Amino acid sequence: MKIIFMGTPDFAVPCLRTLAESRHEVAAVFTQPDKPKGRGYKMIPTPVKAAALEYGLQVYQPLSLRKGEEAEAAMKLLCDIAPELIVVTAYGQILPKEVLELPKYGCINIHASLLPRYRGAAPINWVLLNGEKETGVTSMQMNEGLDTGDMLIKKSMTIDENENYEELYAKLSKMGGEVLAETLEALENGALTPEVQDDSLSCYSPMIKKEMSALDFSKTAAEVHNTIRGVTGFAMLEGKRLKVFRSEIANGTYNAENGAVVDTKSFAVKCGDGRAVIFREVQPEGKKRMNTEDFLRGKKLTEGEILT
């Protein structure tokens, strides 16, 4: 098949590689425009663009597919290429109806959740924030709704109680490539059985906001732990910002003020339900990310001191 791929972040790269290393023709790759990064504001290509160039694929980066001159030019290009299928993985743009209806086999999206649960922009974050035990990847036939199209192939996995966003992201990214391969094979063999989503079972995963990372120690230990897992937590320690990348819930309960350090050797902090969260990986303000053991070699904690 002649396929166009649309994607942007690291998550989409395994899907692109699946296509590039298959017998199918990847006629073009669409990704978001390069962005400036770092002190020198050097323009950095998206991960999908970098991978596409490795394979010598043609890359296009329109600002929009919905309005303006760039959208018109992109639509003409798509019509000229005449793809049989468009594959979309975390592209970052909403496709207009004329694009959805252009290919013979339509547009297939690879989504990082078990639809109809967690439609929307940030499913990986939200399954962790909500303490879910299971997630997965779904391929679906795209329509004009937000992740509402018919489901095609679904693959699930369990979530470890201490697994964080980075770890789950990597696993689901790899699974995305596997689900795409299965979907293409079933499509070619005429074996796809589209399943209509039950809207009554749906929930959404909106964009993550920076303020969601603030740790509120009046909440339960599970809620604090899930915030760290889902969006990377932060608190203030002695007037300085401390990021927390990894944690686990301590055994037992404690009688102390919320936010108090209750174990200086493990860096356990008491939460609203009497239980404590142990910080396992942190980044002090102005310093590099490190294991808590390394942090505690250079920082003496006092039992009872408060994190806010």
Foldseek 3Di string as FASTA:
>chain_A
DEEEEAAFAPLCQLQVVLQLPDPYHHQEYEAAAFWQDDPVRDTDGTPNVVSCVVSPHHYDHQNACPDDPSVVVVLVVCLVSQGQEYEYEHRPYQHDQCQQPRHVQGYKYKDWFQPPEAFEDASLLVCLLVQPFKTAIWIFRDDNDRPQGWTWDTDMDTDDLFAASVRSSVVRSNRSNVRSVVRVVCVVVVNTDTHGGDPVPHDHDYDDDPVLQEADQLDAQSNNSSSLRRPWHWWADPNWIKTFNTKDWDPDFADADRQWQADQQQRWGHGNVRTTIGGQWMATPPGDIDGVNVVCVVDGDDGRGGID
